[in-house]
């Protein structure tokens, strides 16, 4: 069990995907996402979501991400946030997000 203070340390924010690039050096198929988090700025993330989402599907889509992890190097790319998703019955990732538009940078609580 964690306490409320532990949960408050995890900074989950909503952002809008503004750019999607191929990531040929990733070990598993992935996209490089560029996400606008409003006042927090622009952050990059690698996401293994190619099964359910095309590049065109992702542009303008709001996603939830943990934004207070240290950057993680994946091949030649530095991922600055962790986009959140759930595994479907085949183990492929389905994104978690708001069901209505919210301001970029909105914090989950």
N, C-alpha and C. Protein backbone atom coordinates (compact mmCIF):
# COMPACT_ATOMS: atom_id res chain seq x y z
N UNK A 1 0.84 -1.18 0.00
CA UNK A 1 0.00 0.00 0.00
C UNK A 1 0.89 1.25 0.00
N UNK A 2 0.43 2.27 -0.69
CA UNK A 2 1.11 3.56 -0.65
C UNK A 2 0.22 4.55 0.09
N UNK A 3 0.82 5.64 0.55
CA UNK A 3 -0.02 6.66 1.17
C UNK A 3 -0.25 7.79 0.18
N UNK A 4 -1.09 8.73 0.57
CA UNK A 4 -1.48 9.82 -0.33
C UNK A 4 -0.25 10.61 -0.77
N UNK A 5 0.71 10.79 0.12
CA UNK A 5 1.93 11.53 -0.23
C UNK A 5 2.70 10.87 -1.37
N UNK A 6 2.72 9.52 -1.37
CA UNK A 6 3.38 8.80 -2.47
C UNK A 6 2.68 9.08 -3.79
N UNK A 7 1.34 9.03 -3.77
CA UNK A 7 0.57 9.28 -5.00
C UNK A 7 0.80 10.70 -5.51
N UNK A 8 0.88 11.66 -4.59
CA UNK A 8 1.06 13.05 -5.01
C UNK A 8 2.41 13.30 -5.67
N UNK A 9 3.37 12.42 -5.46
CA UNK A 9 4.68 12.57 -6.09
C UNK A 9 4.63 12.28 -7.59
N UNK A 10 3.65 11.51 -8.04
CA UNK A 10 3.52 11.16 -9.45
C UNK A 10 2.76 12.29 -10.14
N UNK A 11 3.43 12.98 -11.05
CA UNK A 11 2.84 14.12 -11.75
C UNK A 11 2.31 13.66 -13.11
N UNK A 12 1.00 13.43 -13.19
CA UNK A 12 0.36 12.97 -14.42
C UNK A 12 -0.37 14.16 -15.03
N UNK A 13 -0.01 14.47 -16.26
CA UNK A 13 -0.58 15.64 -16.96
C UNK A 13 -1.17 15.23 -18.30
N UNK A 14 -2.07 16.08 -18.78
CA UNK A 14 -2.65 15.90 -20.11
C UNK A 14 -1.91 16.80 -21.09
N UNK A 15 -1.62 16.25 -22.25
CA UNK A 15 -0.97 17.02 -23.30
C UNK A 15 -1.51 16.62 -24.66
N UNK A 16 -1.26 17.45 -25.65
CA UNK A 16 -1.72 17.21 -27.01
C UNK A 16 -0.53 16.83 -27.90
N UNK A 17 -0.67 15.74 -28.61
CA UNK A 17 0.36 15.30 -29.55
C UNK A 17 0.40 16.28 -30.71
N UNK A 18 1.57 16.87 -30.95
CA UNK A 18 1.69 17.85 -32.03
C UNK A 18 2.56 17.34 -33.18
N UNK A 19 3.31 16.27 -32.94
CA UNK A 19 4.16 15.71 -33.99
C UNK A 19 4.40 14.24 -33.69
N UNK A 20 4.46 13.43 -34.75
CA UNK A 20 4.73 11.99 -34.61
C UNK A 20 5.77 11.62 -35.67
N UNK A 21 6.83 10.93 -35.22
CA UNK A 21 7.89 10.53 -36.13
C UNK A 21 8.13 9.03 -36.03
N UNK A 22 8.62 8.46 -37.13
CA UNK A 22 9.02 7.06 -37.12
C UNK A 22 10.19 6.89 -36.15
N UNK A 23 10.34 5.66 -35.64
CA UNK A 23 11.44 5.36 -34.73
C UNK A 23 12.06 4.03 -35.15
N UNK A 24 12.79 4.04 -36.27
CA UNK A 24 13.34 2.79 -36.81
C UNK A 24 14.38 2.12 -35.91
N UNK A 25 15.03 2.85 -35.00
CA UNK A 25 16.05 2.26 -34.14
C UNK A 25 15.47 1.61 -32.88
N UNK A 26 14.16 1.74 -32.64
CA UNK A 26 13.54 1.11 -31.47
C UNK A 26 13.55 -0.41 -31.65
N UNK A 27 13.74 -1.14 -30.54
CA UNK A 27 13.76 -2.61 -30.61
C UNK A 27 12.39 -3.17 -30.96
N UNK A 28 11.33 -2.55 -30.44
CA UNK A 28 9.95 -2.92 -30.76
C UNK A 28 9.33 -1.75 -31.49
N UNK A 29 8.38 -1.99 -32.40
CA UNK A 29 7.78 -0.88 -33.16
C UNK A 29 7.24 0.21 -32.23
N UNK A 30 7.62 1.45 -32.51
CA UNK A 30 7.23 2.57 -31.67
C UNK A 30 7.19 3.86 -32.50
N UNK A 31 6.48 4.83 -31.97
CA UNK A 31 6.48 6.18 -32.53
C UNK A 31 7.26 7.09 -31.58
N UNK A 32 7.86 8.12 -32.14
CA UNK A 32 8.41 9.22 -31.35
C UNK A 32 7.34 10.30 -31.32
N UNK A 33 6.85 10.62 -30.13
CA UNK A 33 5.79 11.62 -29.97
C UNK A 33 6.38 12.92 -29.44
N UNK A 34 5.89 14.03 -29.98
CA UNK A 34 6.20 15.36 -29.47
C UNK A 34 4.87 15.88 -28.92
N UNK A 35 4.86 16.20 -27.60
CA UNK A 35 3.61 16.48 -26.90
C UNK A 35 3.67 17.86 -26.25
N UNK A 36 2.61 18.64 -26.45
CA UNK A 36 2.50 19.98 -25.87
C UNK A 36 1.78 19.88 -24.52
N UNK A 37 2.50 20.21 -23.44
CA UNK A 37 1.93 20.19 -22.10
C UNK A 37 1.67 21.61 -21.58
N UNK A 38 1.35 22.54 -22.45
CA UNK A 38 1.00 23.89 -22.04
C UNK A 38 2.16 24.58 -21.34
N UNK A 39 1.93 25.09 -20.12
CA UNK A 39 2.95 25.82 -19.37
C UNK A 39 4.17 24.97 -19.04
N UNK A 40 4.03 23.63 -19.04
CA UNK A 40 5.18 22.74 -18.78
C UNK A 40 6.08 22.62 -20.00
N UNK A 41 5.59 23.06 -21.14
CA UNK A 41 6.38 23.02 -22.37
C UNK A 41 6.15 21.78 -23.21
N UNK A 42 7.05 21.58 -24.14
CA UNK A 42 7.00 20.47 -25.09
C UNK A 42 7.89 19.35 -24.57
N UNK A 43 7.37 18.13 -24.58
CA UNK A 43 8.16 16.97 -24.15
C UNK A 43 8.07 15.88 -25.22
N UNK A 44 9.11 15.04 -25.25
CA UNK A 44 9.19 13.93 -26.20
C UNK A 44 8.95 12.62 -25.47
N UNK A 45 8.38 11.66 -26.19
CA UNK A 45 8.18 10.33 -25.62
C UNK A 45 8.23 9.29 -26.73
N UNK A 46 8.76 8.13 -26.38
CA UNK A 46 8.71 6.97 -27.27
C UNK A 46 7.53 6.13 -26.80
N UNK A 47 6.68 5.72 -27.74
CA UNK A 47 5.49 4.96 -27.35
C UNK A 47 5.28 3.79 -28.30
N UNK A 48 5.14 2.59 -27.73
CA UNK A 48 4.91 1.37 -28.51
C UNK A 48 3.40 1.22 -28.74
N UNK A 49 2.86 2.09 -29.59
CA UNK A 49 1.42 2.14 -29.83
C UNK A 49 1.08 2.04 -31.31
N UNK A 50 1.99 1.45 -32.08
CA UNK A 50 1.81 1.42 -33.54
C UNK A 50 0.70 0.48 -34.00
N UNK A 51 0.30 -0.48 -33.17
CA UNK A 51 -0.75 -1.42 -33.58
C UNK A 51 -2.11 -0.70 -33.71
N UNK A 52 -2.44 0.12 -32.72
CA UNK A 52 -3.76 0.75 -32.70
C UNK A 52 -3.80 2.18 -33.24
N UNK A 53 -2.63 2.82 -33.42
CA UNK A 53 -2.62 4.24 -33.77
C UNK A 53 -1.66 4.53 -34.92
N UNK A 54 -2.18 5.18 -35.96
CA UNK A 54 -1.32 5.66 -37.04
C UNK A 54 -0.80 7.04 -36.65
N UNK A 55 0.18 7.52 -37.37
CA UNK A 55 0.70 8.86 -37.10
C UNK A 55 -0.43 9.89 -37.25
N UNK A 56 -1.26 9.71 -38.26
CA UNK A 56 -2.35 10.66 -38.50
C UNK A 56 -3.39 10.63 -37.37
N UNK A 57 -3.65 9.44 -36.81
CA UNK A 57 -4.59 9.32 -35.68
C UNK A 57 -4.12 10.11 -34.46
N UNK A 58 -2.82 10.18 -34.28
CA UNK A 58 -2.25 10.74 -33.06
C UNK A 58 -2.15 12.26 -33.05
N UNK A 59 -2.00 12.86 -34.22
CA UNK A 59 -1.87 14.32 -34.28
C UNK A 59 -3.15 14.96 -33.72
N UNK A 60 -2.99 15.81 -32.72
CA UNK A 60 -4.12 16.49 -32.10
C UNK A 60 -4.78 15.70 -30.97
N UNK A 61 -4.35 14.46 -30.75
CA UNK A 61 -4.93 13.63 -29.71
C UNK A 61 -4.37 14.02 -28.35
N UNK A 62 -5.24 14.12 -27.35
CA UNK A 62 -4.78 14.36 -26.00
C UNK A 62 -4.46 13.04 -25.32
N UNK A 63 -3.34 13.04 -24.59
CA UNK A 63 -2.87 11.83 -23.90
C UNK A 63 -2.51 12.21 -22.46
N UNK A 64 -2.49 11.20 -21.60
CA UNK A 64 -2.02 11.38 -20.23
C UNK A 64 -0.60 10.83 -20.15
N UNK A 65 0.25 11.52 -19.38
CA UNK A 65 1.63 11.08 -19.25
C UNK A 65 2.19 11.47 -17.88
N UNK A 66 3.09 10.63 -17.38
CA UNK A 66 3.87 10.99 -16.19
C UNK A 66 4.98 11.90 -16.69
N UNK A 67 5.04 13.11 -16.13
CA UNK A 67 5.99 14.10 -16.65
C UNK A 67 7.17 14.37 -15.72
N UNK A 68 7.24 13.68 -14.57
CA UNK A 68 8.34 13.97 -13.65
C UNK A 68 9.30 12.80 -13.47
N UNK A 69 9.43 11.96 -14.49
CA UNK A 69 10.50 10.97 -14.53
C UNK A 69 11.74 11.64 -15.14
N UNK A 70 12.94 11.17 -14.80
CA UNK A 70 14.12 11.69 -15.50
C UNK A 70 14.10 11.18 -16.94
N UNK A 71 14.73 11.91 -17.87
CA UNK A 71 14.78 11.44 -19.26
C UNK A 71 15.40 10.04 -19.35
N UNK A 72 14.88 9.24 -20.27
CA UNK A 72 15.38 7.88 -20.48
C UNK A 72 15.83 7.76 -21.93
N UNK A 73 17.07 7.30 -22.12
CA UNK A 73 17.58 7.13 -23.48
C UNK A 73 17.10 5.80 -24.04
N UNK A 74 16.49 5.88 -25.21
CA UNK A 74 16.05 4.70 -25.94
C UNK A 74 16.68 4.81 -27.32
N UNK A 75 17.67 3.96 -27.60
CA UNK A 75 18.49 4.06 -28.82
C UNK A 75 19.09 5.47 -28.85
N UNK A 76 18.82 6.23 -29.90
CA UNK A 76 19.38 7.58 -30.05
C UNK A 76 18.40 8.68 -29.65
N UNK A 77 17.37 8.33 -28.89
CA UNK A 77 16.26 9.23 -28.57
C UNK A 77 16.13 9.34 -27.05
N UNK A 78 15.87 10.55 -26.54
CA UNK A 78 15.64 10.74 -25.11
C UNK A 78 14.15 10.96 -24.86
N UNK A 79 13.53 10.00 -24.17
CA UNK A 79 12.12 10.09 -23.81
C UNK A 79 12.02 10.88 -22.50
N UNK A 80 11.20 11.94 -22.51
CA UNK A 80 11.11 12.85 -21.37
C UNK A 80 9.86 12.67 -20.53
N UNK A 81 8.96 11.80 -20.96
CA UNK A 81 7.74 11.53 -20.21
C UNK A 81 7.25 10.13 -20.58
N UNK A 82 6.38 9.58 -19.73
CA UNK A 82 5.83 8.24 -19.96
C UNK A 82 4.36 8.36 -20.30
N UNK A 83 4.01 8.13 -21.56
CA UNK A 83 2.62 8.16 -21.99
C UNK A 83 1.93 6.92 -21.42
N UNK A 84 0.73 7.11 -20.88
CA UNK A 84 0.03 6.04 -20.20
C UNK A 84 -0.94 5.29 -21.10
N UNK A 85 -0.99 3.98 -20.91
CA UNK A 85 -1.89 3.14 -21.68
C UNK A 85 -2.17 1.84 -20.94
N UNK A 86 -3.06 1.07 -21.50
CA UNK A 86 -3.46 -0.22 -20.96
C UNK A 86 -3.26 -1.27 -22.04
N UNK A 87 -2.97 -2.50 -21.64
CA UNK A 87 -2.82 -3.59 -22.60
C UNK A 87 -4.19 -4.15 -22.96
N UNK A 88 -4.41 -4.36 -24.27
CA UNK A 88 -5.62 -5.04 -24.69
C UNK A 88 -5.43 -6.55 -24.54
N UNK A 89 -6.37 -7.34 -25.03
CA UNK A 89 -6.30 -8.80 -24.86
C UNK A 89 -5.10 -9.43 -25.57
N UNK A 90 -4.49 -8.72 -26.52
CA UNK A 90 -3.32 -9.22 -27.23
C UNK A 90 -2.01 -8.64 -26.70
N UNK A 91 -2.11 -7.78 -25.68
CA UNK A 91 -0.91 -7.16 -25.13
C UNK A 91 -0.52 -5.87 -25.82
N UNK A 92 -1.33 -5.41 -26.78
CA UNK A 92 -1.04 -4.16 -27.47
C UNK A 92 -1.61 -2.99 -26.67
N UNK A 93 -0.94 -1.86 -26.73
CA UNK A 93 -1.27 -0.72 -25.87
C UNK A 93 -2.40 0.13 -26.46
N UNK A 94 -3.36 0.44 -25.57
CA UNK A 94 -4.46 1.37 -25.84
C UNK A 94 -4.23 2.58 -24.93
N UNK A 95 -4.22 3.76 -25.51
CA UNK A 95 -3.93 4.97 -24.74
C UNK A 95 -5.02 5.30 -23.74
N UNK A 96 -4.60 5.93 -22.63
CA UNK A 96 -5.50 6.46 -21.62
C UNK A 96 -5.57 7.96 -21.83
N UNK A 97 -6.77 8.53 -21.78
CA UNK A 97 -6.89 9.97 -21.96
C UNK A 97 -8.20 10.50 -21.43
N UNK A 98 -8.37 11.80 -21.54
CA UNK A 98 -9.60 12.46 -21.12
C UNK A 98 -10.69 12.21 -22.16
N UNK A 99 -11.93 12.04 -21.72
CA UNK A 99 -13.01 11.82 -22.68
C UNK A 99 -13.58 13.14 -23.21
N UNK A 100 -13.11 14.27 -22.66
CA UNK A 100 -13.44 15.59 -23.17
C UNK A 100 -12.16 16.41 -23.19
N UNK A 101 -12.11 17.42 -24.06
CA UNK A 101 -10.91 18.25 -24.19
C UNK A 101 -10.69 19.03 -22.90
N UNK A 102 -9.43 19.04 -22.45
CA UNK A 102 -9.02 19.80 -21.27
C UNK A 102 -7.79 20.62 -21.65
N UNK A 103 -7.47 21.65 -20.88
CA UNK A 103 -6.27 22.44 -21.20
C UNK A 103 -5.00 21.60 -21.11
N UNK A 104 -4.08 21.83 -22.05
CA UNK A 104 -2.79 21.15 -21.98
C UNK A 104 -2.10 21.51 -20.67
N UNK A 105 -1.51 20.51 -20.05
CA UNK A 105 -0.84 20.69 -18.77
C UNK A 105 -1.74 20.42 -17.58
N UNK A 106 -3.04 20.14 -17.82
CA UNK A 106 -3.94 19.83 -16.70
C UNK A 106 -3.41 18.64 -15.94
N UNK A 107 -3.42 18.76 -14.60
CA UNK A 107 -2.89 17.70 -13.75
C UNK A 107 -4.02 16.75 -13.34
N UNK A 108 -3.72 15.45 -13.38
CA UNK A 108 -4.68 14.46 -12.92
C UNK A 108 -4.73 14.51 -11.40
N UNK A 109 -5.94 14.48 -10.86
CA UNK A 109 -6.13 14.39 -9.42
C UNK A 109 -7.40 13.67 -9.09
